[in-house]
Amino acid sequence: MKFKFLISGLLLSLCVSVAQARFAAFEFDSKQQEQDYKELTHELRCLVCQNQNIADSNAELAQDLKRKTYDLVKSGKSKQEITDYMTERYGDFVMYRPPVTNSTLLLWAGPFIILLIGLVVLVRVISKRRKAEADNSLTAADKSRAEELLKGD
């Protein structure tokens, strides 16, 4: 029985150490380099996950991008130079907030266009309902004729 606990404990510690070995701890020369690295890894999109930044992703490509970002930060590159390098290599899609260009204009304007279309449809539906209600309302003559018909029965 004690042997099973010992084996289980060893296996558990092995799993934890393997999981920790996957995440490399980076050392920086200054707080500014560390801050730049953190900001960049939160601004760059994981190309595999597509819904996560590279800071939160565990995909191999995200790990490679983190390592490359670290190398560029350590070599003294500015945030803009690193961003330019990544977009040149992977395209604007690598950025969570891509720049407004001809190719990304629909991406930026799309939600507003959809909202505008929705508002136009809503206004038209409401106006049609009001018009239909106005057309269906009874005149005084129609009401008196209906009352006469009901009294006649």
C-alpha atoms as a PDB file:
ATOM      1  CA  MET A   1       0.000   0.000   0.000  1.00  0.00           C
ATOM      2  CA  LYS A   2       2.798   2.422   0.902  1.00  0.00           C
ATOM      3  CA  PHE A   3       4.561   1.395  -2.286  1.00  0.00           C
ATOM      4  CA  LYS A   4       1.559   2.605  -4.359  1.00  0.00           C
ATOM      5  CA  PHE A   5       1.600   6.000  -2.626  1.00  0.00           C
ATOM      6  CA  LEU A   6       5.327   6.315  -3.223  1.00  0.00           C
ATOM      7  CA  ILE A   7       4.976   5.488  -6.933  1.00  0.00           C
ATOM      8  CA  SER A   8       1.977   7.845  -7.262  1.00  0.00           C
ATOM      9  CA  GLY A   9       3.917  10.653  -5.593  1.00  0.00           C
ATOM     10  CA  LEU A  10       6.907  10.130  -7.853  1.00  0.00           C
ATOM     11  CA  LEU A  11       4.755  10.105 -10.984  1.00  0.00           C
ATOM     12  CA  LEU A  12       2.929  13.241  -9.864  1.00  0.00           C
ATOM     13  CA  SER A  13       6.161  15.103  -9.160  1.00  0.00           C
ATOM     14  CA  LEU A  14       7.520  13.994 -12.542  1.00  0.00           C
ATOM     15  CA  CYS A  15       4.402  15.344 -14.303  1.00  0.00           C
ATOM     16  CA  VAL A  16       4.667  18.675 -12.488  1.00  0.00           C
ATOM     17  CA  SER A  17       8.359  19.028 -13.290  1.00  0.00           C
ATOM     18  CA  VAL A  18       7.724  18.231 -16.967  1.00  0.00           C
ATOM     19  CA  ALA A  19       4.921  20.811 -17.091  1.00  0.00           C
ATOM     20  CA  GLN A  20       7.148  23.426 -15.501  1.00  0.00           C
ATOM     21  CA  ALA A  21      10.015  22.642 -17.853  1.00  0.00           C
ATOM     22  CA  ARG A  22       7.851  23.584 -20.817  1.00  0.00           C
ATOM     23  CA  PHE A  23       7.589  27.224 -19.673  1.00  0.00           C
ATOM     24  CA  ALA A  24      10.917  28.960 -19.860  1.00  0.00           C
ATOM     25  CA  ALA A  25      11.594  31.796 -17.457  1.00  0.00           C
ATOM     26  CA  PHE A  26      13.225  34.713 -19.217  1.00  0.00           C
ATOM     27  CA  GLU A  27      15.676  37.033 -17.536  1.00  0.00           C
ATOM     28  CA  PHE A  28      15.889  40.668 -18.586  1.00  0.00           C
ATOM     29  CA  ASP A  29      18.537  43.357 -18.200  1.00  0.00           C
ATOM     30  CA  SER A  30      16.030  45.983 -17.092  1.00  0.00           C
ATOM     31  CA  LYS A  31      12.459  46.429 -15.937  1.00  0.00           C
ATOM     32  CA  GLN A  32      11.731  48.272 -19.188  1.00  0.00           C
ATOM     33  CA  GLN A  33      12.737  45.225 -21.260  1.00  0.00           C
ATOM     34  CA  GLU A  34      10.515  43.020 -19.114  1.00  0.00           C
ATOM     35  CA  GLN A  35       7.611  45.469 -19.468  1.00  0.00           C
ATOM     36  CA  ASP A  36       8.082  45.653 -23.252  1.00  0.00           C
ATOM     37  CA  TYR A  37       8.156  41.855 -23.461  1.00  0.00           C
ATOM     38  CA  LYS A  38       4.939  41.534 -21.446  1.00  0.00           C
ATOM     39  CA  GLU A  39       3.154  44.148 -23.542  1.00  0.00           C
ATOM     40  CA  LEU A  40       4.291  42.572 -26.808  1.00  0.00           C
ATOM     41  CA  THR A  41       3.266  39.050 -25.803  1.00  0.00           C
ATOM     42  CA  HIS A  42      -0.183  40.379 -24.920  1.00  0.00           C
ATOM     43  CA  GLU A  43      -0.477  42.264 -28.240  1.00  0.00           C
ATOM     44  CA  LEU A  44       0.644  39.398 -30.491  1.00  0.00           C
ATOM     45  CA  ARG A  45      -1.951  36.794 -31.492  1.00  0.00           C
ATOM     46  CA  CYS A  46      -1.247  33.066 -31.407  1.00  0.00           C
ATOM     47  CA  LEU A  47      -1.527  31.998 -35.034  1.00  0.00           C
ATOM     48  CA  VAL A  48      -2.511  28.463 -34.024  1.00  0.00           C
ATOM     49  CA  CYS A  49      -5.130  29.288 -31.382  1.00  0.00           C
ATOM     50  CA  GLN A  50      -6.261  32.523 -33.089  1.00  0.00           C
ATOM     51  CA  ASN A  51      -8.309  33.448 -30.037  1.00  0.00           C
ATOM     52  CA  GLN A  52      -5.442  33.869 -27.605  1.00  0.00           C
ATOM     53  CA  ASN A  53      -2.408  36.039 -27.367  1.00  0.00           C
ATOM     54  CA  ILE A  54       0.991  34.359 -27.258  1.00  0.00           C
ATOM     55  CA  ALA A  55       1.325  35.121 -23.543  1.00  0.00           C
ATOM     56  CA  ASP A  56      -1.651  32.866 -22.747  1.00  0.00           C
ATOM     57  CA  SER A  57      -1.097  30.194 -25.382  1.00  0.00           C
ATOM     58  CA  ASN A  58       0.772  26.938 -24.877  1.00  0.00           C
ATOM     59  CA  ALA A  59       1.017  26.076 -28.575  1.00  0.00           C
ATOM     60  CA  GLU A  60       4.487  25.358 -29.913  1.00  0.00           C
ATOM     61  CA  LEU A  61       4.337  28.245 -32.365  1.00  0.00           C
ATOM     62  CA  ALA A  62       3.360  30.599 -29.527  1.00  0.00           C
ATOM     63  CA  GLN A  63       6.355  29.354 -27.534  1.00  0.00           C
ATOM     64  CA  ASP A  64       8.580  30.044 -30.549  1.00  0.00           C
ATOM     65  CA  LEU A  65       7.084  33.518 -30.945  1.00  0.00           C
ATOM     66  CA  LYS A  66       7.663  34.229 -27.257  1.00  0.00           C
ATOM     67  CA  ARG A  67      11.263  33.090 -27.573  1.00  0.00           C
ATOM     68  CA  LYS A  68      11.798  35.239 -30.683  1.00  0.00           C
ATOM     69  CA  THR A  69      10.173  38.217 -28.958  1.00  0.00           C
ATOM     70  CA  TYR A  70      12.468  37.700 -25.987  1.00  0.00           C
ATOM     71  CA  ASP A  71      15.528  37.540 -28.257  1.00  0.00           C
ATOM     72  CA  LEU A  72      14.521  40.733 -30.047  1.00  0.00           C
ATOM     73  CA  VAL A  73      13.818  42.567 -26.771  1.00  0.00           C
ATOM     74  CA  LYS A  74      17.149  41.387 -25.340  1.00  0.00           C
ATOM     75  CA  SER A  75      18.985  42.585 -28.454  1.00  0.00           C
ATOM     76  CA  GLY A  76      17.668  46.107 -27.828  1.00  0.00           C
ATOM     77  CA  LYS A  77      14.980  46.312 -30.520  1.00  0.00           C
ATOM     78  CA  SER A  78      12.119  48.724 -29.868  1.00  0.00           C
ATOM     79  CA  LYS A  79       8.514  47.580 -29.572  1.00  0.00           C
ATOM     80  CA  GLN A  80       7.779  49.082 -32.987  1.00  0.00           C
ATOM     81  CA  GLU A  81      10.709  47.261 -34.584  1.00  0.00           C
ATOM     82  CA  ILE A  82       9.569  43.965 -33.066  1.00  0.00           C
ATOM     83  CA  THR A  83       5.983  44.566 -34.183  1.00  0.00           C
ATOM     84  CA  ASP A  84       7.213  45.406 -37.693  1.00  0.00           C
ATOM     85  CA  TYR A  85       9.310  42.228 -37.751  1.00  0.00           C
ATOM     86  CA  MET A  86       6.362  40.059 -36.683  1.00  0.00           C
ATOM     87  CA  THR A  87       3.900  41.636 -39.135  1.00  0.00           C
ATOM     88  CA  GLU A  88       6.424  41.406 -41.961  1.00  0.00           C
ATOM     89  CA  ARG A  89       6.930  37.738 -41.242  1.00  0.00           C
ATOM     90  CA  TYR A  90       3.350  36.681 -40.338  1.00  0.00           C
ATOM     91  CA  GLY A  91       1.141  39.462 -41.719  1.00  0.00           C
ATOM     92  CA  ASP A  92      -1.232  41.838 -39.947  1.00  0.00           C
ATOM     93  CA  PHE A  93      -3.186  38.876 -38.561  1.00  0.00           C
ATOM     94  CA  VAL A  94      -0.499  38.365 -35.896  1.00  0.00           C
ATOM     95  CA  MET A  95      -1.616  41.618 -34.249  1.00  0.00           C
ATOM     96  CA  TYR A  96      -4.677  41.705 -32.014  1.00  0.00           C
ATOM     97  CA  ARG A  97      -5.262  45.287 -33.133  1.00  0.00           C
ATOM     98  CA  PRO A  98      -4.138  45.348 -36.773  1.00  0.00           C
ATOM     99  CA  PRO A  99      -3.551  48.760 -38.377  1.00  0.00           C
ATOM    100  CA  VAL A 100      -6.295  50.300 -40.489  1.00  0.00           C
ATOM    101  CA  THR A 101      -5.304  49.633 -44.093  1.00  0.00           C
ATOM    102  CA  ASN A 102      -7.194  48.823 -47.290  1.00  0.00           C
ATOM    103  CA  SER A 103      -6.965  45.115 -46.501  1.00  0.00           C
ATOM    104  CA  THR A 104      -8.226  45.517 -42.902  1.00  0.00           C
ATOM    105  CA  LEU A 105     -10.819  48.236 -43.509  1.00  0.00           C
ATOM    106  CA  LEU A 106     -13.708  45.764 -43.601  1.00  0.00           C
ATOM    107  CA  LEU A 107     -12.448  44.191 -40.382  1.00  0.00           C
ATOM    108  CA  TRP A 108     -12.588  47.557 -38.606  1.00  0.00           C
ATOM    109  CA  ALA A 109     -15.758  48.878 -40.269  1.00  0.00           C
ATOM    110  CA  GLY A 110     -17.668  45.572 -40.407  1.00  0.00           C
ATOM    111  CA  PRO A 111     -19.275  45.741 -36.947  1.00  0.00           C
ATOM    112  CA  PHE A 112     -20.459  49.312 -37.562  1.00  0.00           C
ATOM    113  CA  ILE A 113     -21.862  48.382 -40.982  1.00  0.00           C
ATOM    114  CA  ILE A 114     -23.763  45.455 -39.462  1.00  0.00           C
ATOM    115  CA  LEU A 115     -25.090  47.716 -36.690  1.00  0.00           C
ATOM    116  CA  LEU A 116     -26.211  50.302 -39.245  1.00  0.00           C
ATOM    117  CA  ILE A 117     -27.981  47.654 -41.342  1.00  0.00           C
ATOM    118  CA  GLY A 118     -29.690  46.344 -38.200  1.00  0.00           C
ATOM    119  CA  LEU A 119     -30.902  49.830 -37.277  1.00  0.00           C
ATOM    120  CA  VAL A 120     -32.253  50.446 -40.806  1.00  0.00           C
ATOM    121  CA  VAL A 121     -34.126  47.125 -40.741  1.00  0.00           C
ATOM    122  CA  LEU A 122     -35.512  47.900 -37.265  1.00  0.00           C
ATOM    123  CA  VAL A 123     -36.758  51.350 -38.334  1.00  0.00           C
ATOM    124  CA  ARG A 124     -38.414  49.888 -41.452  1.00  0.00           C
ATOM    125  CA  VAL A 125     -40.134  47.109 -39.479  1.00  0.00           C
ATOM    126  CA  ILE A 126     -41.433  49.562 -36.887  1.00  0.00           C
ATOM    127  CA  SER A 127     -42.700  51.989 -39.540  1.00  0.00           C
ATOM    128  CA  LYS A 128     -44.460  49.178 -41.436  1.00  0.00           C
ATOM    129  CA  ARG A 129     -46.176  48.022 -38.229  1.00  0.00           C
ATOM    130  CA  ARG A 130     -47.357  51.552 -37.433  1.00  0.00           C
ATOM    131  CA  LYS A 131     -48.656  51.974 -40.962  1.00  0.00           C
ATOM    132  CA  ALA A 132     -50.446  48.610 -40.811  1.00  0.00           C
ATOM    133  CA  GLU A 133     -52.018  49.531 -37.462  1.00  0.00           C
ATOM    134  CA  ALA A 134     -53.152  52.876 -38.882  1.00  0.00           C
ATOM    135  CA  ASP A 135     -54.681  51.145 -41.911  1.00  0.00           C
ATOM    136  CA  ASN A 136     -56.489  48.631 -39.699  1.00  0.00           C
ATOM    137  CA  SER A 137     -58.035  51.187 -37.349  1.00  0.00           C
ATOM    138  CA  LEU A 138     -61.817  51.559 -37.631  1.00  0.00           C
ATOM    139  CA  THR A 139     -63.462  54.827 -38.492  1.00  0.00           C
ATOM    140  CA  ALA A 140     -66.468  56.102 -36.525  1.00  0.00           C
ATOM    141  CA  ALA A 141     -68.786  55.025 -39.360  1.00  0.00           C
ATOM    142  CA  ASP A 142     -67.293  51.506 -39.328  1.00  0.00           C
ATOM    143  CA  LYS A 143     -67.803  51.277 -35.559  1.00  0.00           C
ATOM    144  CA  SER A 144     -71.439  52.398 -35.710  1.00  0.00           C
ATOM    145  CA  ARG A 145     -72.188  49.959 -38.549  1.00  0.00           C
ATOM    146  CA  ALA A 146     -70.594  47.137 -36.574  1.00  0.00           C
ATOM    147  CA  GLU A 147     -72.700  48.030 -33.511  1.00  0.00           C
ATOM    148  CA  GLU A 148     -75.880  48.018 -35.671  1.00  0.00           C
ATOM    149  CA  LEU A 149     -74.995  44.584 -37.053  1.00  0.00           C
ATOM    150  CA  LEU A 150     -74.367  43.234 -33.559  1.00  0.00           C
ATOM    151  CA  LYS A 151     -77.661  44.654 -32.257  1.00  0.00           C
ATOM    152  CA  GLY A 152     -79.518  43.164 -35.193  1.00  0.00           C
ATOM    153  CA  ASP A 153     -78.720  39.604 -34.088  1.00  0.00           C
END
